[in-house]
């Protein structure tokens, strides 16, 4: 929806020849995260790394912070994620909460892709 920077990933794949599939390309907001770097020495450091990943998601979607579709509480939660000041309890729901905010803003279902 925002950018088509990853379209090349589908070049030379069978799906790139599927006209029905191509109709949906770039039609939905997508959150992509990789957990391959979640290899910290202890639990506290793992939580900090996950908080950083969540912060990166908010930073990649700055339009959410000014969206008229979100209420003040939702925006404040996004700011906590962005500033890495969330509680562990809030981090546990972060992907769900961010996807709700994105769905409200874009008025479309959100696709979440998680690698490793």
PDB file of N, CA and C in Angstrom:
ATOM      1  N   UNK A   1       0.814  -1.182   0.000  1.00  0.00           N
ATOM      2  CA  UNK A   1       0.000   0.000   0.000  1.00  0.00           C
ATOM      3  C   UNK A   1       0.863   1.253   0.000  1.00  0.00           C
ATOM      4  N   UNK A   2       1.853   1.319   0.889  1.00  0.00           N
ATOM      5  CA  UNK A   2       2.685   2.516   0.954  1.00  0.00           C
ATOM      6  C   UNK A   2       3.738   2.527  -0.131  1.00  0.00           C
ATOM      7  N   UNK A   3       4.448   1.430  -0.240  1.00  0.00           N
ATOM      8  CA  UNK A   3       5.544   1.383  -1.198  1.00  0.00           C
ATOM      9  C   UNK A   3       5.567   0.026  -1.873  1.00  0.00           C
ATOM     10  N   UNK A   4       6.138   0.019  -3.045  1.00  0.00           N
ATOM     11  CA  UNK A   4       6.220  -1.223  -3.803  1.00  0.00           C
ATOM     12  C   UNK A   4       7.660  -1.708  -3.876  1.00  0.00           C
ATOM     13  N   UNK A   5       8.429  -1.379  -2.842  1.00  0.00           N
ATOM     14  CA  UNK A   5       9.859  -1.639  -2.855  1.00  0.00           C
ATOM     15  C   UNK A   5      10.227  -3.116  -2.864  1.00  0.00           C
ATOM     16  N   UNK A   6       9.340  -3.985  -2.424  1.00  0.00           N
ATOM     17  CA  UNK A   6       9.670  -5.408  -2.355  1.00  0.00           C
ATOM     18  C   UNK A   6       9.054  -6.223  -3.482  1.00  0.00           C
ATOM     19  N   UNK A   7       8.505  -5.575  -4.478  1.00  0.00           N
ATOM     20  CA  UNK A   7       7.869  -6.294  -5.587  1.00  0.00           C
ATOM     21  C   UNK A   7       8.848  -7.227  -6.291  1.00  0.00           C
ATOM     22  N   UNK A   8      10.109  -6.846  -6.308  1.00  0.00           N
ATOM     23  CA  UNK A   8      11.122  -7.669  -6.982  1.00  0.00           C
ATOM     24  C   UNK A   8      11.229  -9.066  -6.367  1.00  0.00           C
ATOM     25  N   UNK A   9      10.805  -9.225  -5.129  1.00  0.00           N
ATOM     26  CA  UNK A   9      10.895 -10.532  -4.474  1.00  0.00           C
ATOM     27  C   UNK A   9      10.083 -11.603  -5.200  1.00  0.00           C
ATOM     28  N   UNK A  10       9.090 -11.167  -5.966  1.00  0.00           N
ATOM     29  CA  UNK A  10       8.221 -12.114  -6.658  1.00  0.00           C
ATOM     30  C   UNK A  10       8.612 -12.322  -8.113  1.00  0.00           C
ATOM     31  N   UNK A  11       9.631 -11.591  -8.567  1.00  0.00           N
ATOM     32  CA  UNK A  11      10.105 -11.782  -9.942  1.00  0.00           C
ATOM     33  C   UNK A  11      10.536 -13.232 -10.144  1.00  0.00           C
ATOM     34  N   UNK A  12      10.182 -13.765 -11.286  1.00  0.00           N
ATOM     35  CA  UNK A  12      10.547 -15.130 -11.672  1.00  0.00           C
ATOM     36  C   UNK A  12       9.901 -16.212 -10.811  1.00  0.00           C
ATOM     37  N   UNK A  13       8.924 -15.856 -10.000  1.00  0.00           N
ATOM     38  CA  UNK A  13       8.174 -16.852  -9.251  1.00  0.00           C
ATOM     39  C   UNK A  13       6.844 -17.096  -9.949  1.00  0.00           C
ATOM     40  N   UNK A  14       6.320 -18.292  -9.790  1.00  0.00           N
ATOM     41  CA  UNK A  14       5.076 -18.659 -10.460  1.00  0.00           C
ATOM     42  C   UNK A  14       3.928 -17.712 -10.118  1.00  0.00           C
ATOM     43  N   UNK A  15       3.916 -17.220  -8.885  1.00  0.00           N
ATOM     44  CA  UNK A  15       2.829 -16.337  -8.471  1.00  0.00           C
ATOM     45  C   UNK A  15       2.799 -15.047  -9.292  1.00  0.00           C
ATOM     46  N   UNK A  16       3.938 -14.625  -9.830  1.00  0.00           N
ATOM     47  CA  UNK A  16       3.972 -13.389 -10.624  1.00  0.00           C
ATOM     48  C   UNK A  16       3.246 -13.545 -11.955  1.00  0.00           C
ATOM     49  N   UNK A  17       2.903 -14.778 -12.314  1.00  0.00           N
ATOM     50  CA  UNK A  17       2.129 -15.031 -13.534  1.00  0.00           C
ATOM     51  C   UNK A  17       0.645 -15.227 -13.256  1.00  0.00           C
ATOM     52  N   UNK A  18       0.263 -15.163 -11.993  1.00  0.00           N
ATOM     53  CA  UNK A  18      -1.129 -15.374 -11.593  1.00  0.00           C
ATOM     54  C   UNK A  18      -1.851 -14.027 -11.541  1.00  0.00           C
ATOM     55  N   UNK A  19      -2.678 -13.765 -12.529  1.00  0.00           N
ATOM     56  CA  UNK A  19      -3.367 -12.468 -12.633  1.00  0.00           C
ATOM     57  C   UNK A  19      -4.257 -12.192 -11.427  1.00  0.00           C
ATOM     58  N   UNK A  20      -4.928 -13.228 -10.913  1.00  0.00           N
ATOM     59  CA  UNK A  20      -5.789 -13.030  -9.741  1.00  0.00           C
ATOM     60  C   UNK A  20      -4.965 -12.620  -8.520  1.00  0.00           C
ATOM     61  N   UNK A  21      -3.821 -13.245  -8.347  1.00  0.00           N
ATOM     62  CA  UNK A  21      -2.955 -12.906  -7.214  1.00  0.00           C
ATOM     63  C   UNK A  21      -2.408 -11.489  -7.361  1.00  0.00           C
ATOM     64  N   UNK A  22      -2.060 -11.110  -8.574  1.00  0.00           N
ATOM     65  CA  UNK A  22      -1.499  -9.776  -8.803  1.00  0.00           C
ATOM     66  C   UNK A  22      -2.506  -8.664  -8.513  1.00  0.00           C
ATOM     67  N   UNK A  23      -3.796  -8.975  -8.616  1.00  0.00           N
ATOM     68  CA  UNK A  23      -4.820  -7.986  -8.283  1.00  0.00           C
ATOM     69  C   UNK A  23      -4.749  -7.577  -6.811  1.00  0.00           C
ATOM     70  N   UNK A  24      -4.247  -8.469  -5.979  1.00  0.00           N
ATOM     71  CA  UNK A  24      -4.165  -8.198  -4.541  1.00  0.00           C
ATOM     72  C   UNK A  24      -2.821  -7.612  -4.127  1.00  0.00           C
ATOM     73  N   UNK A  25      -1.861  -7.603  -5.033  1.00  0.00           N
ATOM     74  CA  UNK A  25      -0.536  -7.087  -4.705  1.00  0.00           C
ATOM     75  C   UNK A  25      -0.624  -5.603  -4.361  1.00  0.00           C
ATOM     76  N   UNK A  26      -0.022  -5.225  -3.258  1.00  0.00           N
ATOM     77  CA  UNK A  26       0.005  -3.840  -2.761  1.00  0.00           C
ATOM     78  C   UNK A  26      -1.372  -3.333  -2.342  1.00  0.00           C
ATOM     79  N   UNK A  27      -2.328  -4.234  -2.131  1.00  0.00           N
ATOM     80  CA  UNK A  27      -3.679  -3.817  -1.772  1.00  0.00           C
ATOM     81  C   UNK A  27      -3.921  -3.820  -0.264  1.00  0.00           C
ATOM     82  N   UNK A  28      -3.018  -4.415   0.501  1.00  0.00           N
ATOM     83  CA  UNK A  28      -3.220  -4.541   1.940  1.00  0.00           C
ATOM     84  C   UNK A  28      -1.985  -4.059   2.694  1.00  0.00           C
ATOM     85  N   UNK A  29      -2.204  -3.470   3.863  1.00  0.00           N
ATOM     86  CA  UNK A  29      -1.045  -3.110   4.684  1.00  0.00           C
ATOM     87  C   UNK A  29      -0.377  -4.384   5.206  1.00  0.00           C
ATOM     88  N   UNK A  30       0.940  -4.369   5.242  1.00  0.00           N
ATOM     89  CA  UNK A  30       1.703  -5.550   5.646  1.00  0.00           C
ATOM     90  C   UNK A  30       2.696  -5.172   6.742  1.00  0.00           C
ATOM     91  N   UNK A  31       2.757  -6.023   7.751  1.00  0.00           N
ATOM     92  CA  UNK A  31       3.792  -5.927   8.774  1.00  0.00           C
ATOM     93  C   UNK A  31       4.680  -7.138   8.581  1.00  0.00           C
ATOM     94  N   UNK A  32       5.962  -6.909   8.360  1.00  0.00           N
ATOM     95  CA  UNK A  32       6.919  -8.005   8.225  1.00  0.00           C
ATOM     96  C   UNK A  32       7.939  -7.891   9.342  1.00  0.00           C
ATOM     97  N   UNK A  33       8.077  -8.955  10.101  1.00  0.00           N
ATOM     98  CA  UNK A  33       9.125  -8.963  11.118  1.00  0.00           C
ATOM     99  C   UNK A  33       9.925 -10.255  11.000  1.00  0.00           C
ATOM    100  N   UNK A  34      11.175 -10.140  11.340  1.00  0.00           N
ATOM    101  CA  UNK A  34      12.022 -11.323  11.412  1.00  0.00           C
ATOM    102  C   UNK A  34      12.523 -11.449  12.843  1.00  0.00           C
ATOM    103  N   UNK A  35      12.479 -12.652  13.342  1.00  0.00           N
ATOM    104  CA  UNK A  35      12.917 -12.912  14.707  1.00  0.00           C
ATOM    105  C   UNK A  35      14.286 -13.581  14.748  1.00  0.00           C
ATOM    106  N   UNK A  36      14.963 -13.604  13.614  1.00  0.00           N
ATOM    107  CA  UNK A  36      16.252 -14.297  13.555  1.00  0.00           C
ATOM    108  C   UNK A  36      17.310 -13.652  14.442  1.00  0.00           C
ATOM    109  N   UNK A  37      17.148 -12.375  14.749  1.00  0.00           N
ATOM    110  CA  UNK A  37      18.114 -11.689  15.606  1.00  0.00           C
ATOM    111  C   UNK A  37      17.756 -11.769  17.088  1.00  0.00           C
ATOM    112  N   UNK A  38      16.706 -12.501  17.408  1.00  0.00           N
ATOM    113  CA  UNK A  38      16.280 -12.646  18.802  1.00  0.00           C
ATOM    114  C   UNK A  38      17.115 -13.727  19.485  1.00  0.00           C
ATOM    115  N   UNK A  39      18.393 -13.452  19.619  1.00  0.00           N
ATOM    116  CA  UNK A  39      19.321 -14.411  20.230  1.00  0.00           C
ATOM    117  C   UNK A  39      20.126 -13.698  21.309  1.00  0.00           C
ATOM    118  N   UNK A  40      19.436 -13.181  22.283  1.00  0.00           N
ATOM    119  CA  UNK A  40      20.104 -12.454  23.356  1.00  0.00           C
ATOM    120  C   UNK A  40      20.444 -13.396  24.507  1.00  0.00           C
ATOM    121  N   UNK A  41      21.328 -12.939  25.361  1.00  0.00           N
ATOM    122  CA  UNK A  41      21.869 -13.782  26.429  1.00  0.00           C
ATOM    123  C   UNK A  41      20.865 -14.105  27.532  1.00  0.00           C
ATOM    124  N   UNK A  42      19.904 -13.213  27.759  1.00  0.00           N
ATOM    125  CA  UNK A  42      18.947 -13.483  28.834  1.00  0.00           C
ATOM    126  C   UNK A  42      17.571 -12.915  28.479  1.00  0.00           C
ATOM    127  N   UNK A  43      16.613 -13.216  29.333  1.00  0.00           N
ATOM    128  CA  UNK A  43      15.222 -12.837  29.109  1.00  0.00           C
ATOM    129  C   UNK A  43      15.061 -11.323  28.978  1.00  0.00           C
ATOM    130  N   UNK A  44      15.698 -10.577  29.871  1.00  0.00           N
ATOM    131  CA  UNK A  44      15.579  -9.113  29.844  1.00  0.00           C
ATOM    132  C   UNK A  44      16.063  -8.547  28.507  1.00  0.00           C
ATOM    133  N   UNK A  45      17.173  -9.059  28.034  1.00  0.00           N
ATOM    134  CA  UNK A  45      17.709  -8.578  26.758  1.00  0.00           C
ATOM    135  C   UNK A  45      16.815  -9.001  25.588  1.00  0.00           C
ATOM    136  N   UNK A  46      16.172 -10.156  25.682  1.00  0.00           N
ATOM    137  CA  UNK A  46      15.227 -10.596  24.654  1.00  0.00           C
ATOM    138  C   UNK A  46      14.036  -9.634  24.588  1.00  0.00           C
ATOM    139  N   UNK A  47      13.524  -9.258  25.747  1.00  0.00           N
ATOM    140  CA  UNK A  47      12.401  -8.312  25.807  1.00  0.00           C
ATOM    141  C   UNK A  47      12.813  -6.976  25.194  1.00  0.00           C
ATOM    142  N   UNK A  48      14.008  -6.513  25.515  1.00  0.00           N
ATOM    143  CA  UNK A  48      14.498  -5.251  24.948  1.00  0.00           C
ATOM    144  C   UNK A  48      14.602  -5.333  23.429  1.00  0.00           C
ATOM    145  N   UNK A  49      15.090  -6.444  22.924  1.00  0.00           N
ATOM    146  CA  UNK A  49      15.207  -6.616  21.468  1.00  0.00           C
ATOM    147  C   UNK A  49      13.830  -6.632  20.825  1.00  0.00           C
ATOM    148  N   UNK A  50      12.877  -7.334  21.430  1.00  0.00           N
ATOM    149  CA  UNK A  50      11.526  -7.357  20.881  1.00  0.00           C
ATOM    150  C   UNK A  50      10.925  -5.950  20.900  1.00  0.00           C
ATOM    151  N   UNK A  51      11.168  -5.200  21.963  1.00  0.00           N
ATOM    152  CA  UNK A  51      10.703  -3.816  22.022  1.00  0.00           C
ATOM    153  C   UNK A  51      11.288  -2.983  20.898  1.00  0.00           C
ATOM    154  N   UNK A  52      12.532  -3.237  20.561  1.00  0.00           N
ATOM    155  CA  UNK A  52      13.183  -2.538  19.450  1.00  0.00           C
ATOM    156  C   UNK A  52      12.542  -2.906  18.112  1.00  0.00           C
ATOM    157  N   UNK A  53      12.212  -4.172  17.936  1.00  0.00           N
ATOM    158  CA  UNK A  53      11.536  -4.618  16.707  1.00  0.00           C
ATOM    159  C   UNK A  53      10.177  -3.940  16.578  1.00  0.00           C
ATOM    160  N   UNK A  54       9.442  -3.879  17.675  1.00  0.00           N
ATOM    161  CA  UNK A  54       8.124  -3.230  17.667  1.00  0.00           C
ATOM    162  C   UNK A  54       8.280  -1.738  17.373  1.00  0.00           C
ATOM    163  N   UNK A  55       9.281  -1.105  17.955  1.00  0.00           N
ATOM    164  CA  UNK A  55       9.558   0.307  17.683  1.00  0.00           C
ATOM    165  C   UNK A  55       9.819   0.532  16.197  1.00  0.00           C
ATOM    166  N   UNK A  56      10.565  -0.369  15.590  1.00  0.00           N
ATOM    167  CA  UNK A  56      10.855  -0.260  14.155  1.00  0.00           C
ATOM    168  C   UNK A  56       9.577  -0.316  13.319  1.00  0.00           C
ATOM    169  N   UNK A  57       8.621  -1.140  13.734  1.00  0.00           N
ATOM    170  CA  UNK A  57       7.350  -1.236  13.004  1.00  0.00           C
ATOM    171  C   UNK A  57       6.607   0.095  13.065  1.00  0.00           C
ATOM    172  N   UNK A  58       6.550   0.692  14.245  1.00  0.00           N
ATOM    173  CA  UNK A  58       5.876   1.992  14.382  1.00  0.00           C
ATOM    174  C   UNK A  58       6.620   3.050  13.574  1.00  0.00           C
ATOM    175  N   UNK A  59       7.938   3.043  13.629  1.00  0.00           N
ATOM    176  CA  UNK A  59       8.724   4.019  12.863  1.00  0.00           C
ATOM    177  C   UNK A  59       8.531   3.859  11.361  1.00  0.00           C
ATOM    178  N   UNK A  60       8.238   2.651  10.915  1.00  0.00           N
ATOM    179  CA  UNK A  60       7.996   2.414   9.487  1.00  0.00           C
ATOM    180  C   UNK A  60       6.597   2.864   9.066  1.00  0.00           C
ATOM    181  N   UNK A  61       5.756   3.191  10.036  1.00  0.00           N
ATOM    182  CA  UNK A  61       4.377   3.609   9.758  1.00  0.00           C
ATOM    183  C   UNK A  61       4.040   4.895  10.510  1.00  0.00           C
ATOM    184  N   UNK A  62       4.798   5.965  10.290  1.00  0.00           N
ATOM    185  CA  UNK A  62       4.602   7.195  11.069  1.00  0.00           C
ATOM    186  C   UNK A  62       3.237   7.846  10.868  1.00  0.00           C
ATOM    187  N   UNK A  63       2.584   7.535   9.763  1.00  0.00           N
ATOM    188  CA  UNK A  63       1.265   8.119   9.504  1.00  0.00           C
ATOM    189  C   UNK A  63       0.236   7.709  10.546  1.00  0.00           C
ATOM    190  N   UNK A  64       0.475   6.610  11.236  1.00  0.00           N
ATOM    191  CA  UNK A  64      -0.460   6.159  12.266  1.00  0.00           C
ATOM    192  C   UNK A  64      -0.541   7.156  13.418  1.00  0.00           C
ATOM    193  N   UNK A  65       0.560   7.805  13.724  1.00  0.00           N
ATOM    194  CA  UNK A  65       0.609   8.717  14.868  1.00  0.00           C
ATOM    195  C   UNK A  65      -0.253   9.959  14.672  1.00  0.00           C
ATOM    196  N   UNK A  66      -0.574  10.283  13.432  1.00  0.00           N
ATOM    197  CA  UNK A  66      -1.410  11.451  13.136  1.00  0.00           C
ATOM    198  C   UNK A  66      -2.745  11.068  12.517  1.00  0.00           C
ATOM    199  N   UNK A  67      -3.060   9.796  12.535  1.00  0.00           N
ATOM    200  CA  UNK A  67      -4.274   9.329  11.873  1.00  0.00           C
ATOM    201  C   UNK A  67      -5.536   9.805  12.593  1.00  0.00           C
ATOM    202  N   UNK A  68      -6.461  10.396  11.850  1.00  0.00           N
ATOM    203  CA  UNK A  68      -7.732  10.793  12.458  1.00  0.00           C
ATOM    204  C   UNK A  68      -8.607   9.586  12.806  1.00  0.00           C
ATOM    205  N   UNK A  69      -8.230   8.421  12.326  1.00  0.00           N
ATOM    206  CA  UNK A  69      -9.007   7.210  12.584  1.00  0.00           C
ATOM    207  C   UNK A  69      -8.677   6.581  13.943  1.00  0.00           C
ATOM    208  N   UNK A  70      -7.572   7.015  14.564  1.00  0.00           N
ATOM    209  CA  UNK A  70      -7.156   6.446  15.842  1.00  0.00           C
ATOM    210  C   UNK A  70      -7.491   7.395  16.979  1.00  0.00           C
ATOM    211  N   UNK A  71      -7.841   6.811  18.124  1.00  0.00           N
ATOM    212  CA  UNK A  71      -8.116   7.653  19.284  1.00  0.00           C
ATOM    213  C   UNK A  71      -6.813   7.973  20.026  1.00  0.00           C
ATOM    214  N   UNK A  72      -6.914   8.845  20.998  1.00  0.00           N
ATOM    215  CA  UNK A  72      -5.729   9.302  21.729  1.00  0.00           C
ATOM    216  C   UNK A  72      -5.019   8.156  22.439  1.00  0.00           C
ATOM    217  N   UNK A  73      -5.769   7.249  23.034  1.00  0.00           N
ATOM    218  CA  UNK A  73      -5.161   6.118  23.743  1.00  0.00           C
ATOM    219  C   UNK A  73      -4.354   5.243  22.789  1.00  0.00           C
ATOM    220  N   UNK A  74      -4.882   5.006  21.602  1.00  0.00           N
ATOM    221  CA  UNK A  74      -4.159   4.200  20.611  1.00  0.00           C
ATOM    222  C   UNK A  74      -2.874   4.899  20.177  1.00  0.00           C
ATOM    223  N   UNK A  75      -2.956   6.199  19.936  1.00  0.00           N
ATOM    224  CA  UNK A  75      -1.765   6.956  19.539  1.00  0.00           C
ATOM    225  C   UNK A  75      -0.723   6.970  20.658  1.00  0.00           C
ATOM    226  N   UNK A  76      -1.182   7.119  21.900  1.00  0.00           N
ATOM    227  CA  UNK A  76      -0.251   7.110  23.033  1.00  0.00           C
ATOM    228  C   UNK A  76       0.445   5.759  23.169  1.00  0.00           C
ATOM    229  N   UNK A  77      -0.282   4.680  22.927  1.00  0.00           N
ATOM    230  CA  UNK A  77       0.321   3.352  22.979  1.00  0.00           C
ATOM    231  C   UNK A  77       1.373   3.199  21.879  1.00  0.00           C
ATOM    232  N   UNK A  78       1.057   3.689  20.686  1.00  0.00           N
ATOM    233  CA  UNK A  78       2.030   3.642  19.590  1.00  0.00           C
ATOM    234  C   UNK A  78       3.290   4.443  19.934  1.00  0.00           C
ATOM    235  N   UNK A  79       3.107   5.570  20.590  1.00  0.00           N
ATOM    236  CA  UNK A  79       4.255   6.387  21.003  1.00  0.00           C
ATOM    237  C   UNK A  79       5.102   5.636  22.032  1.00  0.00           C
ATOM    238  N   UNK A  80       4.444   4.922  22.947  1.00  0.00           N
ATOM    239  CA  UNK A  80       5.195   4.101  23.905  1.00  0.00           C
ATOM    240  C   UNK A  80       6.002   3.031  23.183  1.00  0.00           C
ATOM    241  N   UNK A  81       5.375   2.386  22.202  1.00  0.00           N
ATOM    242  CA  UNK A  81       6.109   1.390  21.413  1.00  0.00           C
ATOM    243  C   UNK A  81       7.294   2.044  20.708  1.00  0.00           C
ATOM    244  N   UNK A  82       7.034   3.191  20.105  1.00  0.00           N
ATOM    245  CA  UNK A  82       8.073   3.893  19.350  1.00  0.00           C
ATOM    246  C   UNK A  82       9.252   4.278  20.247  1.00  0.00           C
ATOM    247  N   UNK A  83       8.946   4.755  21.438  1.00  0.00           N
ATOM    248  CA  UNK A  83       9.986   5.206  22.371  1.00  0.00           C
ATOM    249  C   UNK A  83      10.582   4.073  23.203  1.00  0.00           C
ATOM    250  N   UNK A  84      10.096   2.868  22.982  1.00  0.00           N
ATOM    251  CA  UNK A  84      10.551   1.682  23.722  1.00  0.00           C
ATOM    252  C   UNK A  84      10.367   1.849  25.226  1.00  0.00           C
ATOM    253  N   UNK A  85       9.212   2.414  25.608  1.00  0.00           N
ATOM    254  CA  UNK A  85       8.883   2.603  27.019  1.00  0.00           C
ATOM    255  C   UNK A  85       7.681   1.765  27.443  1.00  0.00           C
ATOM    256  N   UNK A  86       7.274   0.819  26.627  1.00  0.00           N
ATOM    257  CA  UNK A  86       6.121  -0.032  26.928  1.00  0.00           C
ATOM    258  C   UNK A  86       6.420  -0.996  28.061  1.00  0.00           C
ATOM    259  N   UNK A  87       5.365  -1.375  28.743  1.00  0.00           N
ATOM    260  CA  UNK A  87       5.489  -2.440  29.731  1.00  0.00           C
ATOM    261  C   UNK A  87       5.587  -3.777  28.993  1.00  0.00           C
ATOM    262  N   UNK A  88       6.051  -4.784  29.694  1.00  0.00           N
ATOM    263  CA  UNK A  88       6.108  -6.118  29.099  1.00  0.00           C
ATOM    264  C   UNK A  88       4.703  -6.569  28.716  1.00  0.00           C
ATOM    265  N   UNK A  89       3.739  -6.263  29.554  1.00  0.00           N
ATOM    266  CA  UNK A  89       2.348  -6.629  29.264  1.00  0.00           C
ATOM    267  C   UNK A  89       1.873  -6.006  27.954  1.00  0.00           C
ATOM    268  N   UNK A  90       2.188  -4.737  27.736  1.00  0.00           N
ATOM    269  CA  UNK A  90       1.805  -4.082  26.480  1.00  0.00           C
ATOM    270  C   UNK A  90       2.557  -4.663  25.290  1.00  0.00           C
ATOM    271  N   UNK A  91       3.812  -5.024  25.491  1.00  0.00           N
ATOM    272  CA  UNK A  91       4.582  -5.625  24.397  1.00  0.00           C
ATOM    273  C   UNK A  91       3.994  -6.965  23.969  1.00  0.00           C
ATOM    274  N   UNK A  92       3.414  -7.683  24.918  1.00  0.00           N
ATOM    275  CA  UNK A  92       2.829  -8.988  24.594  1.00  0.00           C
ATOM    276  C   UNK A  92       1.697  -8.859  23.574  1.00  0.00           C
ATOM    277  N   UNK A  93       1.016  -7.730  23.584  1.00  0.00           N
ATOM    278  CA  UNK A  93      -0.100  -7.486  22.666  1.00  0.00           C
ATOM    279  C   UNK A  93       0.273  -6.568  21.514  1.00  0.00           C
ATOM    280  N   UNK A  94       1.537  -6.238  21.373  1.00  0.00           N
ATOM    281  CA  UNK A  94       1.956  -5.189  20.442  1.00  0.00           C
ATOM    282  C   UNK A  94       1.561  -5.455  18.993  1.00  0.00           C
ATOM    283  N   UNK A  95       1.829  -6.636  18.480  1.00  0.00           N
ATOM    284  CA  UNK A  95       1.478  -6.908  17.079  1.00  0.00           C
ATOM    285  C   UNK A  95      -0.026  -6.804  16.863  1.00  0.00           C
ATOM    286  N   UNK A  96      -0.790  -7.325  17.804  1.00  0.00           N
ATOM    287  CA  UNK A  96      -2.248  -7.239  17.707  1.00  0.00           C
ATOM    288  C   UNK A  96      -2.708  -5.784  17.718  1.00  0.00           C
ATOM    289  N   UNK A  97      -2.199  -5.009  18.675  1.00  0.00           N
ATOM    290  CA  UNK A  97      -2.610  -3.601  18.794  1.00  0.00           C
ATOM    291  C   UNK A  97      -2.182  -2.778  17.572  1.00  0.00           C
ATOM    292  N   UNK A  98      -0.972  -2.998  17.087  1.00  0.00           N
ATOM    293  CA  UNK A  98      -0.512  -2.271  15.901  1.00  0.00           C
ATOM    294  C   UNK A  98      -1.359  -2.650  14.694  1.00  0.00           C
ATOM    295  N   UNK A  99      -1.702  -3.924  14.568  1.00  0.00           N
ATOM    296  CA  UNK A  99      -2.527  -4.339  13.423  1.00  0.00           C
ATOM    297  C   UNK A  99      -3.915  -3.716  13.492  1.00  0.00           C
ATOM    298  N   UNK A 100      -4.466  -3.571  14.689  1.00  0.00           N
ATOM    299  CA  UNK A 100      -5.764  -2.891  14.829  1.00  0.00           C
ATOM    300  C   UNK A 100      -5.640  -1.438  14.379  1.00  0.00           C
ATOM    301  N   UNK A 101      -4.588  -0.762  14.818  1.00  0.00           N
ATOM    302  CA  UNK A 101      -4.378   0.637  14.419  1.00  0.00           C
ATOM    303  C   UNK A 101      -4.220   0.760  12.908  1.00  0.00           C
ATOM    304  N   UNK A 102      -3.472  -0.156  12.319  1.00  0.00           N
ATOM    305  CA  UNK A 102      -3.287  -0.120  10.866  1.00  0.00           C
ATOM    306  C   UNK A 102      -4.603  -0.391  10.142  1.00  0.00           C
ATOM    307  N   UNK A 103      -5.378  -1.335  10.655  1.00  0.00           N
ATOM    308  CA  UNK A 103      -6.662  -1.641  10.022  1.00  0.00           C
ATOM    309  C   UNK A 103      -7.599  -0.436  10.097  1.00  0.00           C
ATOM    310  N   UNK A 104      -7.626   0.237  11.228  1.00  0.00           N
ATOM    311  CA  UNK A 104      -8.463   1.433  11.355  1.00  0.00           C
ATOM    312  C   UNK A 104      -7.997   2.532  10.401  1.00  0.00           C
ATOM    313  N   UNK A 105      -6.702   2.734  10.330  1.00  0.00           N
ATOM    314  CA  UNK A 105      -6.149   3.803   9.490  1.00  0.00           C
ATOM    315  C   UNK A 105      -6.356   3.524   8.002  1.00  0.00           C
ATOM    316  N   UNK A 106      -5.992   2.325   7.563  1.00  0.00           N
ATOM    317  CA  UNK A 106      -6.055   1.998   6.139  1.00  0.00           C
ATOM    318  C   UNK A 106      -7.424   1.478   5.697  1.00  0.00           C
ATOM    319  N   UNK A 107      -8.273   1.144   6.676  1.00  0.00           N
ATOM    320  CA  UNK A 107      -9.602   0.601   6.381  1.00  0.00           C
ATOM    321  C   UNK A 107      -9.518  -0.704   5.588  1.00  0.00           C
ATOM    322  N   UNK A 108      -8.494  -1.490   5.885  1.00  0.00           N
ATOM    323  CA  UNK A 108      -8.290  -2.793   5.244  1.00  0.00           C
ATOM    324  C   UNK A 108      -7.664  -3.734   6.253  1.00  0.00           C
ATOM    325  N   UNK A 109      -7.917  -5.020   6.073  1.00  0.00           N
ATOM    326  CA  UNK A 109      -7.279  -6.033   6.912  1.00  0.00           C
ATOM    327  C   UNK A 109      -5.766  -5.945   6.747  1.00  0.00           C
ATOM    328  N   UNK A 110      -5.053  -6.317   7.786  1.00  0.00           N
ATOM    329  CA  UNK A 110      -3.595  -6.242   7.805  1.00  0.00           C
ATOM    330  C   UNK A 110      -3.016  -7.651   7.695  1.00  0.00           C
ATOM    331  N   UNK A 111      -1.976  -7.778   6.908  1.00  0.00           N
ATOM    332  CA  UNK A 111      -1.261  -9.046   6.778  1.00  0.00           C
ATOM    333  C   UNK A 111       0.005  -8.950   7.623  1.00  0.00           C
ATOM    334  N   UNK A 112       0.206  -9.940   8.492  1.00  0.00           N
ATOM    335  CA  UNK A 112       1.407  -9.985   9.324  1.00  0.00           C
ATOM    336  C   UNK A 112       2.233 -11.184   8.890  1.00  0.00           C
ATOM    337  N   UNK A 113       3.463 -10.911   8.473  1.00  0.00           N
ATOM    338  CA  UNK A 113       4.396 -11.959   8.061  1.00  0.00           C
ATOM    339  C   UNK A 113       5.513 -12.040   9.095  1.00  0.00           C
ATOM    340  N   UNK A 114       5.710 -13.232   9.653  1.00  0.00           N
ATOM    341  CA  UNK A 114       6.745 -13.435  10.660  1.00  0.00           C
ATOM    342  C   UNK A 114       7.722 -14.475  10.143  1.00  0.00           C
ATOM    343  N   UNK A 115       8.985 -14.094  10.095  1.00  0.00           N
ATOM    344  CA  UNK A 115      10.040 -14.991   9.631  1.00  0.00           C
ATOM    345  C   UNK A 115      10.834 -15.479  10.837  1.00  0.00           C
ATOM    346  N   UNK A 116      11.121 -16.759  10.843  1.00  0.00           N
ATOM    347  CA  UNK A 116      11.882 -17.437  11.887  1.00  0.00           C
ATOM    348  C   UNK A 116      11.268 -17.175  13.213  1.00  0.00           C
TER     349      UNK A 116
END
